[in-house]
Each structure stands twice: as structure tokens, then as C-alpha cells.
């Protein structure tokens, strides 16, 4: 595994909701993790329900690497399935190095696709 992939693996935690493993989250700075919103609240087809109060995070690469985090719901994203978990103002000192997010490494706004007929193109 390359160094970058090893850092991502180390920064990935299992998310337990009410003691049950439900998903994973990635540490993206010294305090916050990124996960899916359906991990912490339910979608009823028209909107997100209330979030759980907290989740347990387990970092498999850290002995006894358990921590509690609270969901930070991002209401402006509407139906998008994204949530942030907050470890609090004083996160554990044993956390692995985060996987930093950079605006310059986002998906490009324009992508060329080769091999599809122009009749199949849609603008949506």
C-alpha cells in the first residue's frame, strides 16, 4: 500500500451507533470526520429525521482507539447524504494524522467522456 493510502486507512474509523457498527468515517482535520448523513439520521423521502446524539468511533490501527463524536448536521445541503462528526474542542491526543481536504483536488467541473454517441448526451 502506498504512503497516501496508508494515511487514509489509518484516518478511517468504524462508526458505531447504539453499539452497532453501521459505517465508517474519515478524519479530515484534528477534530472533524466526514461520513454519510444516513449514518446519523433517517431519510423519509422528504427530509432528514433527527440525528442521534452521539456515535462511537473505533480506529482499528490504534490500540484502544475509541472516541465519542457528535453529529454536526449541515442543513444547507438538503437531500445530500453527508454529515460531519465532531470530536469536541479537545479531541484525543492519540488520533492518527488526518486526511486533509484541498479545494484544488476536487472533482473537475468539466469532464470529457469518449466513446458515447452524441445522441446519448444529456445536459443533466
Protein backbone atom coordinates (compact mmCIF):
# COMPACT_ATOMS: atom_id res chain seq x y z
CA UNK A 1 0.00 0.00 0.00
CA UNK A 2 1.33 3.45 -0.87
CA UNK A 3 2.00 6.07 1.80
CA UNK A 4 -1.11 8.08 0.84
CA UNK A 5 -3.34 5.01 1.03
CA UNK A 6 -1.85 4.03 4.37
CA UNK A 7 -2.65 7.50 5.74
CA UNK A 8 -6.25 7.22 4.53
CA UNK A 9 -6.60 3.76 6.10
CA UNK A 10 -5.16 4.99 9.41
CA UNK A 11 -7.52 8.00 9.43
CA UNK A 12 -10.60 5.83 8.81
CA UNK A 13 -12.74 4.88 11.80
CA UNK A 14 -15.61 2.46 12.21
CA UNK A 15 -18.79 4.24 13.32
CA UNK A 16 -20.92 2.55 15.97
CA UNK A 17 -24.45 3.80 16.57
CA UNK A 18 -26.04 2.41 19.74
CA UNK A 19 -23.23 -0.15 19.93
CA UNK A 20 -23.78 -1.45 16.38
CA UNK A 21 -21.26 -0.88 13.59
CA UNK A 22 -23.06 1.00 10.85
CA UNK A 23 -20.48 2.72 8.67
CA UNK A 24 -17.10 4.39 8.51
CA UNK A 25 -15.85 7.95 8.73
CA UNK A 26 -12.61 9.65 7.74
CA UNK A 27 -10.73 12.10 9.95
CA UNK A 28 -10.36 15.24 7.81
CA UNK A 29 -8.74 17.54 10.38
CA UNK A 30 -7.73 17.42 14.02
CA UNK A 31 -11.36 17.47 15.20
CA UNK A 32 -13.82 16.54 12.41
CA UNK A 33 -14.67 13.40 10.48
CA UNK A 34 -16.67 13.06 7.29
CA UNK A 35 -19.37 10.38 6.91
CA UNK A 36 -22.78 9.87 5.33
CA UNK A 37 -25.84 11.55 6.83
CA UNK A 38 -27.86 8.33 6.77
CA UNK A 39 -25.43 7.03 9.41
CA UNK A 40 -26.72 9.53 11.97
CA UNK A 41 -30.31 10.20 10.81
CA UNK A 42 -33.01 8.65 8.62
CA UNK A 43 -34.34 9.93 5.29
CA UNK A 44 -38.11 9.61 5.00
CA UNK A 45 -38.34 10.54 1.31
CA UNK A 46 -39.00 14.21 2.00
CA UNK A 47 -36.38 15.16 4.55
CA UNK A 48 -33.90 14.02 7.19
CA UNK A 49 -35.12 12.98 10.60
CA UNK A 50 -33.44 13.97 13.85
CA UNK A 51 -29.85 12.87 14.29
CA UNK A 52 -28.56 10.58 17.02
CA UNK A 53 -26.92 12.42 19.93
CA UNK A 54 -23.53 10.73 19.55
CA UNK A 55 -21.63 7.89 17.93
CA UNK A 56 -18.64 5.82 18.99
CA UNK A 57 -15.62 5.85 16.71
CA UNK A 58 -13.16 2.97 16.62
CA UNK A 59 -9.80 3.49 14.92
CA UNK A 60 -8.59 -0.07 14.19
CA UNK A 61 -4.94 0.95 13.85
CA UNK A 62 -4.79 2.49 17.32
CA UNK A 63 -4.79 0.23 20.42
CA UNK A 64 -7.84 1.18 22.50
CA UNK A 65 -8.57 3.82 19.84
CA UNK A 66 -12.14 4.67 20.81
CA UNK A 67 -13.71 8.12 20.94
CA UNK A 68 -17.17 9.68 21.12
CA UNK A 69 -18.28 12.19 18.48
CA UNK A 70 -21.41 14.27 17.94
CA UNK A 71 -23.03 14.78 14.54
CA UNK A 72 -22.88 18.27 13.06
CA UNK A 73 -25.80 18.37 10.66
CA UNK A 74 -25.35 20.58 7.63
CA UNK A 75 -28.92 21.74 6.86
CA UNK A 76 -27.95 23.73 3.77
CA UNK A 77 -27.13 20.54 1.84
CA UNK A 78 -30.78 19.47 1.63
CA UNK A 79 -31.10 15.85 0.49
CA UNK A 80 -27.35 15.32 0.09
CA UNK A 81 -26.18 12.35 2.15
CA UNK A 82 -23.28 13.96 4.02
CA UNK A 83 -22.59 14.61 7.70
CA UNK A 84 -19.71 15.78 9.83
CA UNK A 85 -18.79 14.21 13.18
CA UNK A 86 -17.24 16.45 15.84
CA UNK A 87 -14.80 15.09 18.42
CA UNK A 88 -15.17 18.25 20.52
CA UNK A 89 -12.93 21.12 21.48
CA UNK A 90 -10.32 18.80 22.99
CA UNK A 91 -10.05 15.73 20.75
CA UNK A 92 -7.96 12.78 21.93
CA UNK A 93 -4.21 13.27 21.53
CA UNK A 94 -3.72 9.77 20.10
CA UNK A 95 -5.65 10.41 16.87
CA UNK A 96 -3.95 9.40 13.63
CA UNK A 97 -2.94 12.05 11.12
CA UNK A 98 -5.97 13.43 9.29
CA UNK A 99 -6.57 13.23 5.56
CA UNK A 100 -6.61 16.89 4.58
CA UNK A 101 -9.17 18.07 2.05
CA UNK A 102 -7.98 20.61 -0.51
CA UNK A 103 -10.20 22.66 -2.77
CA UNK A 104 -7.70 22.22 -5.60
CA UNK A 105 -8.11 18.42 -5.55
CA UNK A 106 -11.88 18.37 -6.05
CA UNK A 107 -13.64 16.76 -8.99
CA UNK A 108 -13.27 18.94 -12.10
CA UNK A 109 -16.26 20.98 -13.25
CA UNK A 110 -15.93 19.72 -16.83
CA UNK A 111 -15.18 16.14 -17.83
CA UNK A 112 -14.82 14.82 -21.39
CA UNK A 113 -16.17 11.32 -21.99
CA UNK A 114 -15.01 9.42 -25.06
CA UNK A 115 -16.91 6.52 -26.61
CA UNK A 116 -20.54 7.64 -26.32
CA UNK A 117 -22.59 8.78 -29.32
CA UNK A 118 -23.63 12.43 -29.22
CA UNK A 119 -27.32 11.39 -29.36
CA UNK A 120 -26.98 9.83 -25.90
CA UNK A 121 -25.61 13.01 -24.35
CA UNK A 122 -27.78 14.75 -21.76
CA UNK A 123 -27.13 18.05 -20.07
CA UNK A 124 -28.42 16.82 -16.72
